[in-house]
Protein backbone atom coordinates (compact mmCIF):
# COMPACT_ATOMS: atom_id res chain seq x y z
CA UNK A 1 0.00 0.00 0.00
CA UNK A 2 1.39 3.37 -0.99
CA UNK A 3 1.44 6.08 1.68
CA UNK A 4 0.42 9.62 0.74
CA UNK A 5 3.24 12.11 0.46
CA UNK A 6 3.48 14.48 3.44
CA UNK A 7 2.49 18.07 2.87
CA UNK A 8 4.96 20.82 3.53
CA UNK A 9 3.47 23.11 6.16
CA UNK A 10 4.84 26.52 7.07
CA UNK A 11 4.14 28.34 10.29
CA UNK A 12 1.84 30.68 8.37
CA UNK A 13 -0.45 27.79 7.46
CA UNK A 14 -0.90 26.52 11.04
CA UNK A 15 -3.82 28.91 11.44
CA UNK A 16 -5.32 27.53 8.22
CA UNK A 17 -4.90 24.00 9.56
CA UNK A 18 -6.69 25.00 12.77
CA UNK A 19 -9.51 26.50 10.72
CA UNK A 20 -9.69 23.32 8.62
CA UNK A 21 -9.91 21.24 11.80
CA UNK A 22 -12.72 23.44 13.14
CA UNK A 23 -14.63 23.22 9.83
CA UNK A 24 -14.26 19.42 9.86
CA UNK A 25 -15.43 19.13 13.50
CA UNK A 26 -18.18 21.73 13.90
CA UNK A 27 -21.52 21.31 12.14
CA UNK A 28 -24.07 24.03 11.45
CA UNK A 29 -27.12 21.77 11.50
CA UNK A 30 -28.46 18.62 13.09
CA UNK A 31 -28.00 15.47 11.04
CA UNK A 32 -31.17 14.59 9.08
CA UNK A 33 -30.92 11.14 10.72
CA UNK A 34 -31.98 12.73 14.03
CA UNK A 35 -35.67 13.60 14.37
CA UNK A 36 -36.53 17.00 15.85
CA UNK A 37 -38.04 15.41 19.00
CA UNK A 38 -34.77 13.44 19.51
CA UNK A 39 -32.63 16.60 19.39
CA UNK A 40 -32.69 16.91 23.18
CA UNK A 41 -29.52 19.01 23.51
CA UNK A 42 -30.55 21.70 20.99
CA UNK A 43 -31.63 24.09 23.75
CA UNK A 44 -28.09 24.17 25.14
CA UNK A 45 -26.29 25.16 21.94
CA UNK A 46 -24.34 28.37 22.46
CA UNK A 47 -22.15 29.98 25.09
CA UNK A 48 -22.97 30.19 28.79
CA UNK A 49 -21.63 31.89 31.89
CA UNK A 50 -22.06 29.50 34.81
CA UNK A 51 -22.01 29.87 38.56
CA UNK A 52 -20.68 26.63 40.01
CA UNK A 53 -21.30 25.32 43.52
CA UNK A 54 -18.68 22.62 43.89
CA UNK A 55 -18.34 20.28 46.90
CA UNK A 56 -14.92 20.52 48.54
CA UNK A 57 -13.24 17.56 50.25
CA UNK A 58 -14.51 18.76 53.66
CA UNK A 59 -18.14 18.68 52.43
CA UNK A 60 -18.59 22.44 52.16
CA UNK A 61 -19.44 24.10 48.88
CA UNK A 62 -17.31 26.69 47.14
CA UNK A 63 -18.67 29.00 44.46
CA UNK A 64 -16.67 29.37 41.25
CA UNK A 65 -17.41 31.31 38.06
CA UNK A 66 -17.16 29.18 34.92
CA UNK A 67 -17.90 29.09 31.22
CA UNK A 68 -19.57 26.41 29.12
CA UNK A 69 -19.80 26.17 25.32
CA UNK A 70 -21.99 23.78 23.30
CA UNK A 71 -21.87 23.16 19.52
CA UNK A 72 -23.01 20.57 17.03
CA UNK A 73 -20.13 18.43 15.78
CA UNK A 74 -19.34 15.38 13.63
CA UNK A 75 -21.77 16.07 10.76
CA UNK A 76 -24.48 17.09 13.25
CA UNK A 77 -24.56 13.63 14.85
CA UNK A 78 -23.06 14.90 18.10
CA UNK A 79 -23.25 17.83 20.48
CA UNK A 80 -19.91 18.64 22.03
CA UNK A 81 -19.08 21.01 24.85
CA UNK A 82 -16.09 22.65 26.44
CA UNK A 83 -16.55 23.12 30.18
CA UNK A 84 -14.19 25.47 32.08
CA UNK A 85 -14.13 26.46 35.75
CA UNK A 86 -12.75 28.71 36.95
CA UNK A 87 -13.00 30.92 33.89
CA UNK A 88 -9.99 31.32 31.64
CA UNK A 89 -9.78 35.02 32.58
CA UNK A 90 -9.38 34.14 36.27
CA UNK A 91 -6.64 31.52 35.69
CA UNK A 92 -3.78 34.01 35.48
CA UNK A 93 -0.75 32.82 37.37
CA UNK A 94 -1.24 29.08 37.11
CA UNK A 95 -3.67 26.23 37.40
CA UNK A 96 -6.71 26.69 39.61
CA UNK A 97 -7.31 24.57 42.72
CA UNK A 98 -10.59 23.20 41.34
CA UNK A 99 -9.38 22.67 37.78
CA UNK A 100 -12.33 21.78 35.57
CA UNK A 101 -11.33 22.04 31.94
CA UNK A 102 -12.82 19.26 29.88
CA UNK A 103 -15.13 18.23 27.11
CA UNK A 104 -18.16 16.02 26.62
CA UNK A 105 -19.13 14.45 23.33
CA UNK A 106 -22.82 13.56 23.23
CA UNK A 107 -23.23 11.24 20.25
CA UNK A 108 -26.57 10.07 18.91
CA UNK A 109 -26.78 6.29 18.43
CA UNK A 110 -28.98 5.64 15.36
CA UNK A 111 -29.66 2.02 16.44
CA UNK A 112 -30.91 2.70 19.98
CA UNK A 113 -32.11 6.27 19.23
CA UNK A 114 -30.38 7.42 22.44
CA UNK A 115 -27.60 9.85 23.25
CA UNK A 116 -24.34 8.46 24.64
CA UNK A 117 -22.06 10.83 26.54
CA UNK A 118 -18.30 10.61 27.01
CA UNK A 119 -16.71 13.19 29.30
CA UNK A 120 -13.02 13.78 29.94
CA UNK A 121 -11.11 16.26 32.07
CA UNK A 122 -7.42 15.89 31.16
CA UNK A 123 -6.41 18.26 33.99
CA UNK A 124 -7.59 15.77 36.63
CA UNK A 125 -7.69 12.50 34.69
CA UNK A 126 -11.46 12.19 35.23
CA UNK A 127 -13.37 10.18 32.64
CA UNK A 128 -17.04 9.18 32.48
CA UNK A 129 -19.43 7.41 30.14
CA UNK A 130 -23.15 8.11 30.51
CA UNK A 131 -26.48 7.39 28.82
CA UNK A 132 -29.09 10.09 28.39
CA UNK A 133 -32.80 9.73 29.00
CA UNK A 134 -35.50 12.35 29.01
CA UNK A 135 -37.61 12.56 32.19
CA UNK A 136 -40.31 15.14 31.52
CA UNK A 137 -38.40 18.33 30.73
CA UNK A 138 -35.21 17.09 32.43
CA UNK A 139 -32.22 15.52 30.66
CA UNK A 140 -30.91 12.79 32.95
CA UNK A 141 -27.44 11.47 32.16
CA UNK A 142 -26.45 8.37 34.14
CA UNK A 143 -23.24 6.40 34.13
CA UNK A 144 -19.95 5.75 35.87
CA UNK A 145 -16.74 7.57 36.55
CA UNK A 146 -13.49 5.80 35.69
CA UNK A 147 -13.16 4.83 39.38
CA UNK A 148 -16.46 2.89 39.21
CA UNK A 149 -18.65 5.35 41.13
CA UNK A 150 -22.17 5.70 39.72
CA UNK A 151 -23.03 9.25 38.76
CA UNK A 152 -26.08 11.17 37.62
CA UNK A 153 -25.95 14.54 35.85
CA UNK A 154 -29.23 16.37 35.25
CA UNK A 155 -30.00 19.38 33.07
CA UNK A 156 -33.25 20.94 34.26
CA UNK A 157 -35.18 24.19 34.12
CA UNK A 158 -33.78 24.80 30.62
CA UNK A 159 -35.06 28.05 29.09
CA UNK A 160 -33.80 30.18 26.20
CA UNK A 161 -31.52 32.06 28.61
CA UNK A 162 -30.91 29.84 31.67
CA UNK A 163 -30.48 26.29 32.89
CA UNK A 164 -29.84 24.45 36.14
CA UNK A 165 -27.50 21.42 36.25
CA UNK A 166 -26.80 19.04 39.11
CA UNK A 167 -24.10 16.41 39.44
CA UNK A 168 -24.57 13.60 41.94
CA UNK A 169 -22.64 10.51 43.07
CA UNK A 170 -24.33 7.38 44.39
CA UNK A 171 -23.16 6.44 47.88
CA UNK A 172 -22.73 2.81 49.08
CA UNK A 173 -26.14 2.97 50.83
CA UNK A 174 -27.80 3.80 47.48
CA UNK A 175 -28.51 7.44 48.30
CA UNK A 176 -27.39 10.20 45.94
CA UNK A 177 -25.05 12.96 47.16
CA UNK A 178 -25.01 16.37 45.47
CA UNK A 179 -21.42 17.07 44.37
CA UNK A 180 -21.91 20.07 42.11
CA UNK A 181 -24.62 22.44 41.01
CA UNK A 182 -24.45 24.90 38.14
CA UNK A 183 -26.63 27.81 37.16
CA UNK A 184 -26.13 28.84 33.54
CA UNK A 185 -26.93 32.15 31.86
CA UNK A 186 -26.63 32.28 28.07
CA UNK A 187 -24.46 35.05 26.62
CA UNK A 188 -24.44 33.86 23.00
CA UNK A 189 -26.64 31.60 20.88
CA UNK A 190 -25.62 29.44 17.95
């Protein structure tokens, strides 16, 4: 098998390569394979300021400002996000104590007609795989962290300009513990 010849790339074309990557990843529209009623993440597309209440190791909650971006990707078959807390503007001088800088890819499975979520945070090594189900107006994402703990993430109270998100971990007794809570306010739509 003959390998393609490598392209010669100058520093000036790195920006073009980045733009080509973005054009290949980001999609303007939902895939026609996904019915409108199955497009459960459409209301989150855009850019959000978020106030994060995050559980510290001692059980108290700290409040952090964050940012969250959602876009269609992969020919409109996925909705991907970039989740950052604290905000990039407040990270001057090094890495934050609560370093949340990751991405989720929510991919639509055409066989099961369900959304599968993969989340990674390279800063902490966290990794999770979840399944999405709709419960009334809530989007319930359930799965496991890489350490085996069962988790549940819920988007609720979604409006054109706001949402409420909760992240919970299941304890050994079966009860759910609130680990994080976010309140989003949209600052840009897609």
